Amino acid sequence: MARASREQTDKNREAIEQASSRLFRERGLNGVSVAELMADAGLTHGGFYGHFASKDALAAQACKRAFEESTARWERRLARADGDRKAMLTNLVEPYLTAAHCANPGVGCAAAALAVDVAREPAGKPVRQAYVEGLRVQVDDMAQTVESDDPQVRHDEALVRMALLVGALTLARATDGDPLSDEMLSAVRSRLLGSTA
């Protein structure tokens, strides 16, 4: 049997990463099997280990990819504000705290979608490191929205804003179907966009 070309191998790996990034955000790290990931990528289960040493290795790569996708969206939104910090914050918060984002974790924020699962993983797992690295980049991006020249103030406020965003989205997803879900999104949106920090 002929081996796949390097180009085909790269396409297959891309398909696996794309499927796993989405499915892990939708269903959790332990909510989807390797066979399901491979089927979603249009590949057979047997080909998995030609691309990744383990599901843990894939989880780390999928987490990294999910953060890269989220960060790319954020950075496009920040750039549209032309340096106006209030507009930067608005550009991040308004699309984030919506019912649509709440209903679509597979294509949404990696920080919110993966937080609970990653928190349950042992500290030495590569997925934890990928999560921390991705979150640090987003905190740095959020710091750009803070109206202060003091780097520590900007960093601290960015942490608060990230906690509010991720916490609100996580709780809104957990209460989906109850009015509390929309109230959570609305209250945090108002608090963040009304702040002057």
Foldseek 3Di string as FASTA:
>chain_A
DDDDDPVVVVLLLVLLLLLCLLCCLVQNLPRDDLQRSQVSSVHGSVCVCVRDVDSLRSLLSSLLVLLVLALVQLVVQQVVVVLQLLSSLCSPQPVLLDPVLLVRRSNHHSCQSHVVRLVPDDPPGSNVVSNVVSVVSQLVSQLSNAPDPDSVVSSVVSVVLVCLRSVLSNVLSVVPPDVVNNVSSVVSSCVSSVDRD
